[in-house]
Structures are given as C-alpha cells and as structure tokens.
Amino acid sequence: MKNNIRIILFVALIIGIAVWGYFPSKLLDDTEFPNRIIPSKYLSLFTDSAKEDLEIRYSQPLKHRDTITIFFYKKKFEILLMKFNETPRIPLEKYISEDKGNSSIPFKSVHILDFGGYKLSCLPEEALKTDFMHLVHCCNPISGQYLKNDTVFFRGMFSSFSIRRGENGEDDTMFESKAGDLPTNILFLKRQGGIFLVVLTPSEKGIELPENLLLGLIKKQVE
C-alpha cells in the first residue's frame, strides 16, 4: 500500500513539473522571486552619479533569454533593462525604426511583470534575429533622436508599445499601460555585443518626467 502511495505521489510530481514547463506564463513578482543579482553589464551603462540613486527592485534571469532588471531611481522613477543578443552590422539608426500600429503576443507563451504603470509581456525565448527592429506604438506625438551609431532615443506619452522583429515579424516584448498614457523614455544602445533596451517611467501617475532624463543617466560610449 505504501509503495502504491509513493508511486502515485511520484507520478503526480512528474506531471506537475511537466505542466509547469509547458505553461511558462507567470506573474513575475519580486516577493516570489527575491533574486537580487544584478548583471554588471547593466550597471556599467550608468554614470557614477546615477548609480548613487539607483535601488534594485527586481532582477530575474530567464532560462532562454537575458536577465530582466528593474531599478528605482530617486524613489520616484523605475528603470527597466533587458538585452537582445544580436549585433547589427549597420548603424543602430538604420536598424531601429518607429512604426504606428497595435501590439500582441500569444498569452500562453509570455512572462508578465509589473513595471511602473505598465504590464510587461515578453516571449520566453527571443524572437528570431532579423534585419530590422521596430518600436511599434499608437502614441502621437512622439519625439525620436538618433545619436551617433550606437544610440536611439524616444520619448512621449504611451498607452502601449512593443519591440517587433523584422518587417513582418512577431512582437518580442510588449508594454501595456494600466493607467492611460504614461510619460516614458525609451533608449536603445548597441554595446557589449548586443542591443540594450532601457525604459524609464514614473513609479506613480502624476510624477513629472523631465524630457531627456534617461539620456543624462547613461554613460557615454568611449570613442
């Protein structure tokens, strides 16, 4: 009898692990994932003065893509960082474009995380590498700056936006506002053998966001 119970418990455990692996969608909350390991490649992007006002909120390595990290900045703003492991051979200003449109990611294959007033969804594995990357949004107006060959910066009031790969590719990462239009800085950096996505937004609605705040926090690339 005891052997039968052990076998049943073992089979139930195996089924539970299999189901968990098949449905990777889960709310990623730092009370459930207390990981505080911050990749040095993320910290190295910031100026020394900016680092003094950074406080880690969340940092979670994913199995098939790079770590997602969120900082508090001066206890008023949140900064999210993630890295796409690809290095385009052309200048970043020609690789990343801005497109108007709607975003969507299959629900069953996403990780979900709260970030500022946004809900972040991303594929558990990076979308296939392509010749282009698009910032897709419905924001109007938006201001974009293409700085040298390694930096692309956008700012505006966003209700949602996503990172899409290729002309007819899929949305790899999507941000959906939970509170209407949110002031947001979006920065792409081509460094360290990849493309970093850095997003800054107020922690709470009603906090004023200086237009180019994020640009001033990032260390300039050494020529």
C-alpha atoms as a PDB file:
ATOM      1  CA  MET A   1       0.000   0.000   0.000  1.00  0.00           C
ATOM      2  CA  LYS A   2       2.812   2.393   0.974  1.00  0.00           C
ATOM      3  CA  ASN A   3       4.610   1.619  -2.280  1.00  0.00           C
ATOM      4  CA  ASN A   4       1.465   2.445  -4.269  1.00  0.00           C
ATOM      5  CA  ILE A   5       1.130   5.808  -2.480  1.00  0.00           C
ATOM      6  CA  ARG A   6       4.780   6.608  -3.195  1.00  0.00           C
ATOM      7  CA  ILE A   7       4.322   5.763  -6.871  1.00  0.00           C
ATOM      8  CA  ILE A   8       1.196   7.946  -7.110  1.00  0.00           C
ATOM      9  CA  LEU A   9       2.976  10.875  -5.429  1.00  0.00           C
ATOM     10  CA  PHE A  10       5.981  10.468  -7.722  1.00  0.00           C
ATOM     11  CA  VAL A  11       3.799  10.407 -10.863  1.00  0.00           C
ATOM     12  CA  ALA A  12       1.885  13.500  -9.644  1.00  0.00           C
ATOM     13  CA  LEU A  13       5.175  15.327  -9.108  1.00  0.00           C
ATOM     14  CA  ILE A  14       6.389  14.487 -12.619  1.00  0.00           C
ATOM     15  CA  ILE A  15       3.079  15.662 -14.133  1.00  0.00           C
ATOM     16  CA  GLY A  16       3.231  18.896 -12.141  1.00  0.00           C
ATOM     17  CA  ILE A  17       6.759  19.650 -13.381  1.00  0.00           C
ATOM     18  CA  ALA A  18       5.728  18.914 -16.978  1.00  0.00           C
ATOM     19  CA  VAL A  19       2.677  21.201 -16.764  1.00  0.00           C
ATOM     20  CA  TRP A  20       4.758  23.995 -15.246  1.00  0.00           C
ATOM     21  CA  GLY A  21       7.267  23.727 -18.087  1.00  0.00           C
ATOM     22  CA  TYR A  22       4.566  23.726 -20.757  1.00  0.00           C
ATOM     23  CA  PHE A  23       2.869  26.898 -19.477  1.00  0.00           C
ATOM     24  CA  PRO A  24       5.692  29.378 -18.882  1.00  0.00           C
ATOM     25  CA  SER A  25       3.332  32.321 -18.418  1.00  0.00           C
ATOM     26  CA  LYS A  26       3.542  33.571 -14.830  1.00  0.00           C
ATOM     27  CA  LEU A  27       3.372  36.803 -12.900  1.00  0.00           C
ATOM     28  CA  LEU A  28       6.983  37.633 -12.075  1.00  0.00           C
ATOM     29  CA  ASP A  29       6.844  39.372  -8.707  1.00  0.00           C
ATOM     30  CA  ASP A  30       9.863  40.129  -6.563  1.00  0.00           C
ATOM     31  CA  THR A  31       8.125  38.722  -3.488  1.00  0.00           C
ATOM     32  CA  GLU A  32       8.078  35.356  -5.256  1.00  0.00           C
ATOM     33  CA  PHE A  33      11.467  35.768  -6.922  1.00  0.00           C
ATOM     34  CA  PRO A  34      13.742  37.507  -4.377  1.00  0.00           C
ATOM     35  CA  ASN A  35      16.752  37.324  -6.728  1.00  0.00           C
ATOM     36  CA  ARG A  36      18.887  40.431  -6.366  1.00  0.00           C
ATOM     37  CA  ILE A  37      21.812  39.504  -8.618  1.00  0.00           C
ATOM     38  CA  ILE A  38      22.400  42.488 -10.904  1.00  0.00           C
ATOM     39  CA  PRO A  39      24.332  41.843 -14.125  1.00  0.00           C
ATOM     40  CA  SER A  40      27.460  44.021 -14.182  1.00  0.00           C
ATOM     41  CA  LYS A  41      26.815  44.762 -17.865  1.00  0.00           C
ATOM     42  CA  TYR A  42      23.647  46.623 -16.823  1.00  0.00           C
ATOM     43  CA  LEU A  43      25.281  48.657 -14.064  1.00  0.00           C
ATOM     44  CA  SER A  44      28.148  49.596 -16.382  1.00  0.00           C
ATOM     45  CA  LEU A  45      25.729  51.527 -18.607  1.00  0.00           C
ATOM     46  CA  PHE A  46      25.075  54.164 -15.918  1.00  0.00           C
ATOM     47  CA  THR A  47      27.181  57.148 -14.877  1.00  0.00           C
ATOM     48  CA  ASP A  48      28.742  57.047 -11.418  1.00  0.00           C
ATOM     49  CA  SER A  49      26.435  59.795 -10.156  1.00  0.00           C
ATOM     50  CA  ALA A  50      23.354  57.931 -11.440  1.00  0.00           C
ATOM     51  CA  LYS A  51      24.422  54.735  -9.647  1.00  0.00           C
ATOM     52  CA  GLU A  52      24.273  56.566  -6.300  1.00  0.00           C
ATOM     53  CA  ASP A  53      20.499  56.993  -6.709  1.00  0.00           C
ATOM     54  CA  LEU A  54      19.716  53.508  -8.046  1.00  0.00           C
ATOM     55  CA  GLU A  55      17.974  50.951  -5.858  1.00  0.00           C
ATOM     56  CA  ILE A  56      17.322  47.445  -7.103  1.00  0.00           C
ATOM     57  CA  ARG A  57      13.670  46.449  -7.220  1.00  0.00           C
ATOM     58  CA  TYR A  58      13.807  43.267  -9.263  1.00  0.00           C
ATOM     59  CA  SER A  59      16.309  41.157 -11.197  1.00  0.00           C
ATOM     60  CA  GLN A  60      15.387  37.791 -12.673  1.00  0.00           C
ATOM     61  CA  PRO A  61      17.414  35.606 -15.052  1.00  0.00           C
ATOM     62  CA  LEU A  62      15.233  33.752 -17.557  1.00  0.00           C
ATOM     63  CA  LYS A  63      16.053  30.346 -18.954  1.00  0.00           C
ATOM     64  CA  HIS A  64      16.164  31.231 -22.644  1.00  0.00           C
ATOM     65  CA  ARG A  65      16.828  34.966 -22.701  1.00  0.00           C
ATOM     66  CA  ASP A  66      18.842  37.561 -20.831  1.00  0.00           C
ATOM     67  CA  THR A  67      18.071  38.883 -17.352  1.00  0.00           C
ATOM     68  CA  ILE A  68      15.299  41.432 -16.826  1.00  0.00           C
ATOM     69  CA  THR A  69      16.243  44.031 -14.203  1.00  0.00           C
ATOM     70  CA  ILE A  70      14.268  46.929 -12.703  1.00  0.00           C
ATOM     71  CA  PHE A  71      15.738  49.760 -10.638  1.00  0.00           C
ATOM     72  CA  PHE A  72      14.131  52.519  -8.620  1.00  0.00           C
ATOM     73  CA  TYR A  73      15.751  55.876  -9.389  1.00  0.00           C
ATOM     74  CA  LYS A  74      15.487  58.520  -6.650  1.00  0.00           C
ATOM     75  CA  LYS A  75      12.470  56.569  -5.361  1.00  0.00           C
ATOM     76  CA  LYS A  76      10.303  58.333  -7.973  1.00  0.00           C
ATOM     77  CA  PHE A  77      11.091  56.556 -11.238  1.00  0.00           C
ATOM     78  CA  GLU A  78      11.543  52.980 -12.423  1.00  0.00           C
ATOM     79  CA  ILE A  79      14.130  51.898 -14.982  1.00  0.00           C
ATOM     80  CA  LEU A  80      13.854  48.557 -16.791  1.00  0.00           C
ATOM     81  CA  LEU A  81      16.775  46.935 -18.610  1.00  0.00           C
ATOM     82  CA  MET A  82      16.942  43.934 -20.885  1.00  0.00           C
ATOM     83  CA  LYS A  83      19.335  42.819 -23.607  1.00  0.00           C
ATOM     84  CA  PHE A  84      18.773  41.375 -27.085  1.00  0.00           C
ATOM     85  CA  ASN A  85      21.701  39.190 -28.073  1.00  0.00           C
ATOM     86  CA  GLU A  86      22.352  40.439 -31.560  1.00  0.00           C
ATOM     87  CA  THR A  87      24.761  42.954 -33.055  1.00  0.00           C
ATOM     88  CA  PRO A  88      23.597  44.568 -36.311  1.00  0.00           C
ATOM     89  CA  ARG A  89      26.354  45.389 -38.790  1.00  0.00           C
ATOM     90  CA  ILE A  90      24.659  48.640 -39.733  1.00  0.00           C
ATOM     91  CA  PRO A  91      24.287  51.785 -37.577  1.00  0.00           C
ATOM     92  CA  LEU A  92      21.549  51.492 -34.987  1.00  0.00           C
ATOM     93  CA  GLU A  93      19.686  54.444 -36.517  1.00  0.00           C
ATOM     94  CA  LYS A  94      19.155  52.348 -39.672  1.00  0.00           C
ATOM     95  CA  TYR A  95      18.353  49.165 -37.766  1.00  0.00           C
ATOM     96  CA  ILE A  96      15.637  50.514 -35.456  1.00  0.00           C
ATOM     97  CA  SER A  97      12.573  52.251 -36.843  1.00  0.00           C
ATOM     98  CA  GLU A  98       9.366  53.695 -35.415  1.00  0.00           C
ATOM     99  CA  ASP A  99       6.042  52.296 -36.634  1.00  0.00           C
ATOM    100  CA  LYS A 100       2.419  53.022 -35.799  1.00  0.00           C
ATOM    101  CA  GLY A 101       0.262  50.014 -35.027  1.00  0.00           C
ATOM    102  CA  ASN A 102      -1.137  47.629 -32.432  1.00  0.00           C
ATOM    103  CA  SER A 103       0.807  45.040 -30.479  1.00  0.00           C
ATOM    104  CA  SER A 104       0.058  41.497 -29.393  1.00  0.00           C
ATOM    105  CA  ILE A 105       1.897  38.467 -28.013  1.00  0.00           C
ATOM    106  CA  PRO A 106       0.350  34.982 -27.619  1.00  0.00           C
ATOM    107  CA  PHE A 107      -0.710  34.896 -23.967  1.00  0.00           C
ATOM    108  CA  LYS A 108       0.304  31.306 -23.274  1.00  0.00           C
ATOM    109  CA  SER A 109       3.928  31.995 -24.169  1.00  0.00           C
ATOM    110  CA  VAL A 110       4.735  35.123 -22.168  1.00  0.00           C
ATOM    111  CA  HIS A 111       6.266  36.168 -18.894  1.00  0.00           C
ATOM    112  CA  ILE A 112       4.378  39.014 -17.221  1.00  0.00           C
ATOM    113  CA  LEU A 113       5.799  41.649 -14.905  1.00  0.00           C
ATOM    114  CA  ASP A 114       4.530  44.926 -13.447  1.00  0.00           C
ATOM    115  CA  PHE A 115       6.782  47.884 -14.226  1.00  0.00           C
ATOM    116  CA  GLY A 116       5.715  51.398 -13.213  1.00  0.00           C
ATOM    117  CA  GLY A 117       2.226  51.803 -14.659  1.00  0.00           C
ATOM    118  CA  TYR A 118       2.895  49.143 -17.318  1.00  0.00           C
ATOM    119  CA  LYS A 119       2.373  45.427 -17.628  1.00  0.00           C
ATOM    120  CA  LEU A 120       5.380  43.909 -19.404  1.00  0.00           C
ATOM    121  CA  SER A 121       4.957  40.804 -21.556  1.00  0.00           C
ATOM    122  CA  CYS A 122       7.775  39.065 -23.402  1.00  0.00           C
ATOM    123  CA  LEU A 123       8.335  35.794 -25.182  1.00  0.00           C
ATOM    124  CA  PRO A 124      10.174  33.211 -23.035  1.00  0.00           C
ATOM    125  CA  GLU A 125      12.687  32.974 -25.890  1.00  0.00           C
ATOM    126  CA  GLU A 126      13.891  35.860 -28.040  1.00  0.00           C
ATOM    127  CA  ALA A 127      12.166  36.188 -31.398  1.00  0.00           C
ATOM    128  CA  LEU A 128      14.237  35.161 -34.400  1.00  0.00           C
ATOM    129  CA  LYS A 129      17.004  37.576 -35.316  1.00  0.00           C
ATOM    130  CA  THR A 130      16.132  39.719 -38.306  1.00  0.00           C
ATOM    131  CA  ASP A 131      17.455  42.631 -40.328  1.00  0.00           C
ATOM    132  CA  PHE A 132      15.283  45.201 -38.539  1.00  0.00           C
ATOM    133  CA  MET A 133      13.842  46.045 -35.139  1.00  0.00           C
ATOM    134  CA  HIS A 134      10.715  48.198 -34.756  1.00  0.00           C
ATOM    135  CA  LEU A 135       9.296  50.274 -31.938  1.00  0.00           C
ATOM    136  CA  VAL A 136       5.556  49.811 -32.529  1.00  0.00           C
ATOM    137  CA  HIS A 137       3.156  52.203 -30.776  1.00  0.00           C
ATOM    138  CA  CYS A 138      -0.038  54.263 -31.071  1.00  0.00           C
ATOM    139  CA  CYS A 139       1.472  57.358 -29.432  1.00  0.00           C
ATOM    140  CA  ASN A 140       1.034  60.772 -31.016  1.00  0.00           C
ATOM    141  CA  PRO A 141       3.159  62.814 -30.925  1.00  0.00           C
ATOM    142  CA  ILE A 142       6.483  61.106 -30.219  1.00  0.00           C
ATOM    143  CA  SER A 143       9.985  62.540 -30.312  1.00  0.00           C
ATOM    144  CA  GLY A 144      12.863  60.439 -31.610  1.00  0.00           C
ATOM    145  CA  GLN A 145      16.589  61.130 -31.601  1.00  0.00           C
ATOM    146  CA  TYR A 146      19.262  59.130 -33.398  1.00  0.00           C
ATOM    147  CA  LEU A 147      22.558  59.808 -31.642  1.00  0.00           C
ATOM    148  CA  LYS A 148      25.702  58.670 -33.484  1.00  0.00           C
ATOM    149  CA  ASN A 149      25.772  54.989 -34.417  1.00  0.00           C
ATOM    150  CA  ASP A 150      25.086  53.350 -31.080  1.00  0.00           C
ATOM    151  CA  THR A 151      22.110  55.155 -29.518  1.00  0.00           C
ATOM    152  CA  VAL A 152      18.432  55.633 -30.427  1.00  0.00           C
ATOM    153  CA  PHE A 153      16.180  57.542 -28.017  1.00  0.00           C
ATOM    154  CA  PHE A 154      12.404  58.086 -27.957  1.00  0.00           C
ATOM    155  CA  ARG A 155      10.167  59.976 -25.550  1.00  0.00           C
ATOM    156  CA  GLY A 156       6.424  60.511 -25.416  1.00  0.00           C
ATOM    157  CA  MET A 157       3.136  59.644 -23.728  1.00  0.00           C
ATOM    158  CA  PHE A 158       2.463  55.956 -24.335  1.00  0.00           C
ATOM    159  CA  SER A 159      -0.560  53.774 -23.678  1.00  0.00           C
ATOM    160  CA  SER A 160       1.306  50.789 -25.124  1.00  0.00           C
ATOM    161  CA  PHE A 161       4.351  49.938 -27.210  1.00  0.00           C
ATOM    162  CA  SER A 162       6.238  46.852 -28.322  1.00  0.00           C
ATOM    163  CA  ILE A 163       9.511  45.685 -29.826  1.00  0.00           C
ATOM    164  CA  ARG A 164       8.905  43.886 -33.126  1.00  0.00           C
ATOM    165  CA  ARG A 165      11.495  41.956 -35.130  1.00  0.00           C
ATOM    166  CA  GLY A 166      11.595  42.209 -38.935  1.00  0.00           C
ATOM    167  CA  GLU A 167       9.189  43.706 -41.458  1.00  0.00           C
ATOM    168  CA  ASN A 168       6.510  41.072 -40.778  1.00  0.00           C
ATOM    169  CA  GLY A 169       7.956  39.651 -37.595  1.00  0.00           C
ATOM    170  CA  GLU A 170       6.392  38.967 -34.213  1.00  0.00           C
ATOM    171  CA  ASP A 171       6.271  41.167 -31.155  1.00  0.00           C
ATOM    172  CA  ASP A 172       9.046  40.047 -28.830  1.00  0.00           C
ATOM    173  CA  THR A 173       8.323  42.426 -25.958  1.00  0.00           C
ATOM    174  CA  MET A 174       5.210  44.470 -25.167  1.00  0.00           C
ATOM    175  CA  PHE A 175       4.404  47.186 -22.621  1.00  0.00           C
ATOM    176  CA  GLU A 176       0.715  47.854 -21.862  1.00  0.00           C
ATOM    177  CA  SER A 177      -0.330  50.777 -19.672  1.00  0.00           C
ATOM    178  CA  LYS A 178      -2.698  50.104 -16.783  1.00  0.00           C
ATOM    179  CA  ALA A 179      -3.445  53.807 -16.278  1.00  0.00           C
ATOM    180  CA  GLY A 180      -3.827  55.568 -19.631  1.00  0.00           C
ATOM    181  CA  ASP A 181      -0.996  57.461 -21.327  1.00  0.00           C
ATOM    182  CA  LEU A 182       2.268  57.401 -19.376  1.00  0.00           C
ATOM    183  CA  PRO A 183       5.317  59.667 -19.864  1.00  0.00           C
ATOM    184  CA  THR A 184       8.156  57.369 -20.906  1.00  0.00           C
ATOM    185  CA  ASN A 185      11.778  57.494 -22.075  1.00  0.00           C
ATOM    186  CA  ILE A 186      12.858  54.594 -24.338  1.00  0.00           C
ATOM    187  CA  LEU A 187      16.515  54.041 -25.168  1.00  0.00           C
ATOM    188  CA  PHE A 188      18.252  51.506 -27.432  1.00  0.00           C
ATOM    189  CA  LEU A 189      22.013  51.063 -27.048  1.00  0.00           C
ATOM    190  CA  LYS A 190      24.314  48.973 -29.247  1.00  0.00           C
ATOM    191  CA  ARG A 191      27.039  47.867 -26.851  1.00  0.00           C
ATOM    192  CA  GLN A 192      28.816  44.793 -25.491  1.00  0.00           C
ATOM    193  CA  GLY A 193      27.826  42.517 -28.353  1.00  0.00           C
ATOM    194  CA  GLY A 194      24.105  43.216 -28.239  1.00  0.00           C
ATOM    195  CA  ILE A 195      21.271  45.735 -28.108  1.00  0.00           C
ATOM    196  CA  PHE A 196      20.179  47.010 -24.700  1.00  0.00           C
ATOM    197  CA  LEU A 197      16.634  48.228 -24.166  1.00  0.00           C
ATOM    198  CA  VAL A 198      16.377  50.775 -21.328  1.00  0.00           C
ATOM    199  CA  VAL A 199      12.939  52.151 -20.378  1.00  0.00           C
ATOM    200  CA  LEU A 200      12.274  54.836 -17.754  1.00  0.00           C
ATOM    201  CA  THR A 201       8.839  55.856 -16.429  1.00  0.00           C
ATOM    202  CA  PRO A 202       7.476  57.376 -13.191  1.00  0.00           C
ATOM    203  CA  SER A 203       6.733  54.928 -10.380  1.00  0.00           C
ATOM    204  CA  GLU A 204       3.319  56.534  -9.880  1.00  0.00           C
ATOM    205  CA  LYS A 205       0.973  58.546 -12.035  1.00  0.00           C
ATOM    206  CA  GLY A 206       1.264  62.302 -11.523  1.00  0.00           C
ATOM    207  CA  ILE A 207       5.060  62.411 -11.159  1.00  0.00           C
ATOM    208  CA  GLU A 208       6.572  64.745 -13.746  1.00  0.00           C
ATOM    209  CA  LEU A 209       9.199  63.196 -16.027  1.00  0.00           C
ATOM    210  CA  PRO A 210      11.925  65.512 -17.378  1.00  0.00           C
ATOM    211  CA  GLU A 211      12.013  65.027 -21.152  1.00  0.00           C
ATOM    212  CA  ASN A 212      15.567  63.698 -21.503  1.00  0.00           C
ATOM    213  CA  LEU A 213      16.138  62.328 -18.003  1.00  0.00           C
ATOM    214  CA  LEU A 214      17.250  58.875 -19.152  1.00  0.00           C
ATOM    215  CA  LEU A 215      19.866  60.229 -21.555  1.00  0.00           C
ATOM    216  CA  GLY A 216      21.595  62.017 -18.693  1.00  0.00           C
ATOM    217  CA  LEU A 217      21.876  58.819 -16.641  1.00  0.00           C
ATOM    218  CA  ILE A 218      23.651  56.743 -19.275  1.00  0.00           C
ATOM    219  CA  LYS A 219      27.416  56.714 -19.594  1.00  0.00           C
ATOM    220  CA  LYS A 220      28.648  57.994 -22.948  1.00  0.00           C
ATOM    221  CA  GLN A 221      30.306  55.482 -25.230  1.00  0.00           C
ATOM    222  CA  VAL A 222      34.080  55.849 -25.340  1.00  0.00           C
ATOM    223  CA  GLU A 223      35.173  56.777 -28.865  1.00  0.00           C
END
